[in-house]
């Protein structure tokens, strides 16, 4: 399942599918943030907030972009 399909599924009400995006991107996002701030706790906090924000705003995802 590709990202776009996962997001569309989530928008249709299958909120549990968000874990697929989380599993796919957690390491990439965490590592990116860690290399910017070089602090484990801060990186974990920002990564968590990033996923919370993505989940909260999933309905604004534009399929054509």
PDB file of N, CA and C in Angstrom:
ATOM      1  N   UNK A   1       0.855  -1.179   0.000  1.00  0.00           N
ATOM      2  CA  UNK A   1       0.000   0.000   0.000  1.00  0.00           C
ATOM      3  C   UNK A   1       0.901   1.243   0.000  1.00  0.00           C
ATOM      4  N   UNK A   2       0.651   2.155  -0.908  1.00  0.00           N
ATOM      5  CA  UNK A   2       1.453   3.366  -0.994  1.00  0.00           C
ATOM      6  C   UNK A   2       0.916   4.421  -0.030  1.00  0.00           C
ATOM      7  N   UNK A   3       1.751   5.416   0.246  1.00  0.00           N
ATOM      8  CA  UNK A   3       1.389   6.450   1.218  1.00  0.00           C
ATOM      9  C   UNK A   3       0.053   7.107   0.902  1.00  0.00           C
ATOM     10  N   UNK A   4      -0.150   7.449  -0.360  1.00  0.00           N
ATOM     11  CA  UNK A   4      -1.387   8.111  -0.750  1.00  0.00           C
ATOM     12  C   UNK A   4      -2.597   7.242  -0.431  1.00  0.00           C
ATOM     13  N   UNK A   5      -2.489   5.960  -0.695  1.00  0.00           N
ATOM     14  CA  UNK A   5      -3.585   5.034  -0.403  1.00  0.00           C
ATOM     15  C   UNK A   5      -3.828   4.919   1.097  1.00  0.00           C
ATOM     16  N   UNK A   6      -2.757   4.915   1.864  1.00  0.00           N
ATOM     17  CA  UNK A   6      -2.876   4.843   3.328  1.00  0.00           C
ATOM     18  C   UNK A   6      -3.601   6.076   3.846  1.00  0.00           C
ATOM     19  N   UNK A   7      -3.191   7.243   3.355  1.00  0.00           N
ATOM     20  CA  UNK A   7      -3.813   8.490   3.804  1.00  0.00           C
ATOM     21  C   UNK A   7      -5.289   8.512   3.432  1.00  0.00           C
ATOM     22  N   UNK A   8      -5.614   8.095   2.238  1.00  0.00           N
ATOM     23  CA  UNK A   8      -7.024   8.062   1.833  1.00  0.00           C
ATOM     24  C   UNK A   8      -7.827   7.112   2.714  1.00  0.00           C
ATOM     25  N   UNK A   9      -7.234   5.997   3.084  1.00  0.00           N
ATOM     26  CA  UNK A   9      -7.891   5.051   3.981  1.00  0.00           C
ATOM     27  C   UNK A   9      -8.136   5.688   5.354  1.00  0.00           C
ATOM     28  N   UNK A  10      -7.145   6.402   5.839  1.00  0.00           N
ATOM     29  CA  UNK A  10      -7.280   7.078   7.130  1.00  0.00           C
ATOM     30  C   UNK A  10      -8.389   8.123   7.066  1.00  0.00           C
ATOM     31  N   UNK A  11      -8.409   8.891   5.974  1.00  0.00           N
ATOM     32  CA  UNK A  11      -9.436   9.918   5.808  1.00  0.00           C
ATOM     33  C   UNK A  11     -10.834   9.328   5.738  1.00  0.00           C
ATOM     34  N   UNK A  12     -10.927   8.080   5.283  1.00  0.00           N
ATOM     35  CA  UNK A  12     -12.232   7.408   5.212  1.00  0.00           C
ATOM     36  C   UNK A  12     -12.658   6.835   6.560  1.00  0.00           C
ATOM     37  N   UNK A  13     -11.806   6.972   7.574  1.00  0.00           N
ATOM     38  CA  UNK A  13     -12.188   6.516   8.903  1.00  0.00           C
ATOM     39  C   UNK A  13     -11.362   5.383   9.466  1.00  0.00           C
ATOM     40  N   UNK A  14     -10.445   4.847   8.693  1.00  0.00           N
ATOM     41  CA  UNK A  14      -9.603   3.750   9.170  1.00  0.00           C
ATOM     42  C   UNK A  14      -8.377   4.320   9.886  1.00  0.00           C
ATOM     43  N   UNK A  15      -8.622   4.951  11.002  1.00  0.00           N
ATOM     44  CA  UNK A  15      -7.567   5.662  11.732  1.00  0.00           C
ATOM     45  C   UNK A  15      -6.412   4.754  12.157  1.00  0.00           C
ATOM     46  N   UNK A  16      -6.677   3.469  12.330  1.00  0.00           N
ATOM     47  CA  UNK A  16      -5.617   2.531  12.724  1.00  0.00           C
ATOM     48  C   UNK A  16      -4.542   2.385  11.644  1.00  0.00           C
ATOM     49  N   UNK A  17      -4.859   2.760  10.407  1.00  0.00           N
ATOM     50  CA  UNK A  17      -3.869   2.682   9.333  1.00  0.00           C
ATOM     51  C   UNK A  17      -2.735   3.691   9.513  1.00  0.00           C
ATOM     52  N   UNK A  18      -2.924   4.662  10.400  1.00  0.00           N
ATOM     53  CA  UNK A  18      -1.867   5.659  10.630  1.00  0.00           C
ATOM     54  C   UNK A  18      -0.579   4.988  11.117  1.00  0.00           C
ATOM     55  N   UNK A  19      -0.716   3.872  11.799  1.00  0.00           N
ATOM     56  CA  UNK A  19       0.470   3.156  12.295  1.00  0.00           C
ATOM     57  C   UNK A  19       1.384   2.742  11.143  1.00  0.00           C
ATOM     58  N   UNK A  20       0.806   2.512   9.965  1.00  0.00           N
ATOM     59  CA  UNK A  20       1.623   2.152   8.799  1.00  0.00           C
ATOM     60  C   UNK A  20       2.545   3.305   8.410  1.00  0.00           C
ATOM     61  N   UNK A  21       2.024   4.523   8.440  1.00  0.00           N
ATOM     62  CA  UNK A  21       2.861   5.693   8.154  1.00  0.00           C
ATOM     63  C   UNK A  21       3.886   5.909   9.262  1.00  0.00           C
ATOM     64  N   UNK A  22       3.433   5.730  10.488  1.00  0.00           N
ATOM     65  CA  UNK A  22       4.334   5.883  11.633  1.00  0.00           C
ATOM     66  C   UNK A  22       5.508   4.910  11.512  1.00  0.00           C
ATOM     67  N   UNK A  23       5.209   3.647  11.294  1.00  0.00           N
ATOM     68  CA  UNK A  23       6.263   2.632  11.195  1.00  0.00           C
ATOM     69  C   UNK A  23       7.224   2.914  10.048  1.00  0.00           C
ATOM     70  N   UNK A  24       6.690   3.419   8.959  1.00  0.00           N
ATOM     71  CA  UNK A  24       7.518   3.687   7.782  1.00  0.00           C
ATOM     72  C   UNK A  24       8.455   4.884   7.984  1.00  0.00           C
ATOM     73  N   UNK A  25       7.984   5.898   8.712  1.00  0.00           N
ATOM     74  CA  UNK A  25       8.729   7.160   8.776  1.00  0.00           C
ATOM     75  C   UNK A  25       9.354   7.496  10.128  1.00  0.00           C
ATOM     76  N   UNK A  26       9.073   6.747  11.167  1.00  0.00           N
ATOM     77  CA  UNK A  26       9.570   7.098  12.501  1.00  0.00           C
ATOM     78  C   UNK A  26      11.087   7.248  12.533  1.00  0.00           C
ATOM     79  N   UNK A  27      11.803   6.307  11.992  1.00  0.00           N
ATOM     80  CA  UNK A  27      13.268   6.373  12.050  1.00  0.00           C
ATOM     81  C   UNK A  27      13.814   7.530  11.226  1.00  0.00           C
ATOM     82  N   UNK A  28      13.277   7.740  10.043  1.00  0.00           N
ATOM     83  CA  UNK A  28      13.748   8.830   9.189  1.00  0.00           C
ATOM     84  C   UNK A  28      13.523  10.189   9.844  1.00  0.00           C
ATOM     85  N   UNK A  29      12.339  10.378  10.396  1.00  0.00           N
ATOM     86  CA  UNK A  29      12.018  11.669  11.018  1.00  0.00           C
ATOM     87  C   UNK A  29      12.840  11.864  12.285  1.00  0.00           C
ATOM     88  N   UNK A  30      12.896  10.841  13.120  1.00  0.00           N
ATOM     89  CA  UNK A  30      13.683  10.958  14.350  1.00  0.00           C
ATOM     90  C   UNK A  30      15.146  11.269  14.025  1.00  0.00           C
ATOM     91  N   UNK A  31      15.737  10.535  13.097  1.00  0.00           N
ATOM     92  CA  UNK A  31      17.149  10.751  12.764  1.00  0.00           C
ATOM     93  C   UNK A  31      17.392  12.147  12.213  1.00  0.00           C
ATOM     94  N   UNK A  32      16.498  12.622  11.369  1.00  0.00           N
ATOM     95  CA  UNK A  32      16.635  13.970  10.830  1.00  0.00           C
ATOM     96  C   UNK A  32      16.642  15.002  11.953  1.00  0.00           C
ATOM     97  N   UNK A  33      15.692  14.870  12.857  1.00  0.00           N
ATOM     98  CA  UNK A  33      15.593  15.822  13.967  1.00  0.00           C
ATOM     99  C   UNK A  33      16.795  15.695  14.897  1.00  0.00           C
ATOM    100  N   UNK A  34      17.196  14.460  15.187  1.00  0.00           N
ATOM    101  CA  UNK A  34      18.329  14.262  16.089  1.00  0.00           C
ATOM    102  C   UNK A  34      19.594  14.923  15.542  1.00  0.00           C
ATOM    103  N   UNK A  35      19.851  14.774  14.263  1.00  0.00           N
ATOM    104  CA  UNK A  35      21.070  15.353  13.686  1.00  0.00           C
ATOM    105  C   UNK A  35      21.012  16.876  13.628  1.00  0.00           C
ATOM    106  N   UNK A  36      19.827  17.436  13.763  1.00  0.00           N
ATOM    107  CA  UNK A  36      19.697  18.898  13.817  1.00  0.00           C
ATOM    108  C   UNK A  36      19.912  19.439  15.229  1.00  0.00           C
ATOM    109  N   UNK A  37      19.437  18.695  16.239  1.00  0.00           N
ATOM    110  CA  UNK A  37      19.512  19.237  17.606  1.00  0.00           C
ATOM    111  C   UNK A  37      20.463  18.470  18.529  1.00  0.00           C
ATOM    112  N   UNK A  38      20.829  17.254  18.147  1.00  0.00           N
ATOM    113  CA  UNK A  38      21.794  16.445  18.906  1.00  0.00           C
ATOM    114  C   UNK A  38      21.416  16.224  20.369  1.00  0.00           C
ATOM    115  N   UNK A  39      20.122  16.117  20.619  1.00  0.00           N
ATOM    116  CA  UNK A  39      19.642  15.843  21.975  1.00  0.00           C
ATOM    117  C   UNK A  39      18.529  14.798  21.880  1.00  0.00           C
ATOM    118  N   UNK A  40      18.724  13.679  22.577  1.00  0.00           N
ATOM    119  CA  UNK A  40      17.785  12.552  22.500  1.00  0.00           C
ATOM    120  C   UNK A  40      16.377  12.941  22.958  1.00  0.00           C
ATOM    121  N   UNK A  41      16.272  13.566  24.113  1.00  0.00           N
ATOM    122  CA  UNK A  41      14.951  13.913  24.656  1.00  0.00           C
ATOM    123  C   UNK A  41      14.218  14.908  23.773  1.00  0.00           C
ATOM    124  N   UNK A  42      14.922  15.913  23.322  1.00  0.00           N
ATOM    125  CA  UNK A  42      14.313  16.905  22.440  1.00  0.00           C
ATOM    126  C   UNK A  42      13.880  16.261  21.133  1.00  0.00           C
ATOM    127  N   UNK A  43      14.712  15.389  20.596  1.00  0.00           N
ATOM    128  CA  UNK A  43      14.382  14.700  19.350  1.00  0.00           C
ATOM    129  C   UNK A  43      13.134  13.840  19.507  1.00  0.00           C
ATOM    130  N   UNK A  44      13.034  13.146  20.612  1.00  0.00           N
ATOM    131  CA  UNK A  44      11.854  12.320  20.867  1.00  0.00           C
ATOM    132  C   UNK A  44      10.601  13.182  20.989  1.00  0.00           C
ATOM    133  N   UNK A  45      10.722  14.299  21.690  1.00  0.00           N
ATOM    134  CA  UNK A  45       9.571  15.193  21.862  1.00  0.00           C
ATOM    135  C   UNK A  45       9.105  15.769  20.527  1.00  0.00           C
ATOM    136  N   UNK A  46      10.045  16.254  19.737  1.00  0.00           N
ATOM    137  CA  UNK A  46       9.693  16.858  18.449  1.00  0.00           C
ATOM    138  C   UNK A  46       9.134  15.802  17.499  1.00  0.00           C
ATOM    139  N   UNK A  47       9.711  14.622  17.507  1.00  0.00           N
ATOM    140  CA  UNK A  47       9.207  13.545  16.655  1.00  0.00           C
ATOM    141  C   UNK A  47       7.777  13.186  17.044  1.00  0.00           C
ATOM    142  N   UNK A  48       7.528  13.057  18.326  1.00  0.00           N
ATOM    143  CA  UNK A  48       6.165  12.752  18.793  1.00  0.00           C
ATOM    144  C   UNK A  48       5.192  13.827  18.360  1.00  0.00           C
ATOM    145  N   UNK A  49       5.584  15.077  18.523  1.00  0.00           N
ATOM    146  CA  UNK A  49       4.712  16.183  18.149  1.00  0.00           C
ATOM    147  C   UNK A  49       4.461  16.206  16.644  1.00  0.00           C
ATOM    148  N   UNK A  50       5.472  15.853  15.873  1.00  0.00           N
ATOM    149  CA  UNK A  50       5.327  15.797  14.419  1.00  0.00           C
ATOM    150  C   UNK A  50       4.245  14.801  14.021  1.00  0.00           C
ATOM    151  N   UNK A  51       4.263  13.628  14.640  1.00  0.00           N
ATOM    152  CA  UNK A  51       3.260  12.614  14.308  1.00  0.00           C
ATOM    153  C   UNK A  51       1.876  12.996  14.826  1.00  0.00           C
ATOM    154  N   UNK A  52       1.813  13.616  15.983  1.00  0.00           N
ATOM    155  CA  UNK A  52       0.518  14.085  16.488  1.00  0.00           C
ATOM    156  C   UNK A  52      -0.078  15.131  15.553  1.00  0.00           C
ATOM    157  N   UNK A  53       0.755  16.065  15.102  1.00  0.00           N
ATOM    158  CA  UNK A  53       0.287  17.098  14.177  1.00  0.00           C
ATOM    159  C   UNK A  53      -0.162  16.488  12.849  1.00  0.00           C
ATOM    160  N   UNK A  54       0.606  15.527  12.346  1.00  0.00           N
ATOM    161  CA  UNK A  54       0.241  14.874  11.087  1.00  0.00           C
ATOM    162  C   UNK A  54      -1.104  14.162  11.225  1.00  0.00           C
ATOM    163  N   UNK A  55      -1.292  13.471  12.332  1.00  0.00           N
ATOM    164  CA  UNK A  55      -2.556  12.767  12.557  1.00  0.00           C
ATOM    165  C   UNK A  55      -3.720  13.754  12.660  1.00  0.00           C
ATOM    166  N   UNK A  56      -3.513  14.835  13.398  1.00  0.00           N
ATOM    167  CA  UNK A  56      -4.574  15.837  13.575  1.00  0.00           C
ATOM    168  C   UNK A  56      -4.949  16.523  12.270  1.00  0.00           C
ATOM    169  N   UNK A  57      -4.001  16.647  11.359  1.00  0.00           N
ATOM    170  CA  UNK A  57      -4.233  17.390  10.118  1.00  0.00           C
ATOM    171  C   UNK A  57      -4.385  16.488   8.893  1.00  0.00           C
ATOM    172  N   UNK A  58      -4.551  15.196   9.102  1.00  0.00           N
ATOM    173  CA  UNK A  58      -4.625  14.248   7.991  1.00  0.00           C
ATOM    174  C   UNK A  58      -5.782  14.561   7.042  1.00  0.00           C
ATOM    175  N   UNK A  59      -6.846  15.126   7.552  1.00  0.00           N
ATOM    176  CA  UNK A  59      -7.997  15.449   6.712  1.00  0.00           C
ATOM    177  C   UNK A  59      -7.722  16.576   5.724  1.00  0.00           C
ATOM    178  N   UNK A  60      -6.674  17.353   5.952  1.00  0.00           N
ATOM    179  CA  UNK A  60      -6.340  18.438   5.027  1.00  0.00           C
ATOM    180  C   UNK A  60      -5.396  17.996   3.907  1.00  0.00           C
ATOM    181  N   UNK A  61      -5.025  16.702   3.914  1.00  0.00           N
ATOM    182  CA  UNK A  61      -4.157  16.161   2.870  1.00  0.00           C
ATOM    183  C   UNK A  61      -4.827  16.303   1.510  1.00  0.00           C
ATOM    184  N   UNK A  62      -4.069  16.828   0.550  1.00  0.00           N
ATOM    185  CA  UNK A  62      -4.562  17.009  -0.808  1.00  0.00           C
ATOM    186  C   UNK A  62      -3.995  15.915  -1.701  1.00  0.00           C
ATOM    187  N   UNK A  63      -4.850  15.081  -2.240  1.00  0.00           N
ATOM    188  CA  UNK A  63      -4.435  13.946  -3.050  1.00  0.00           C
ATOM    189  C   UNK A  63      -3.694  14.362  -4.310  1.00  0.00           C
ATOM    190  N   UNK A  64      -3.993  15.537  -4.828  1.00  0.00           N
ATOM    191  CA  UNK A  64      -3.417  15.978  -6.096  1.00  0.00           C
ATOM    192  C   UNK A  64      -2.075  16.675  -5.947  1.00  0.00           C
ATOM    193  N   UNK A  65      -1.564  16.774  -4.737  1.00  0.00           N
ATOM    194  CA  UNK A  65      -0.273  17.454  -4.531  1.00  0.00           C
ATOM    195  C   UNK A  65       0.780  16.490  -4.083  1.00  0.00           C
TER     196      UNK A  65
END
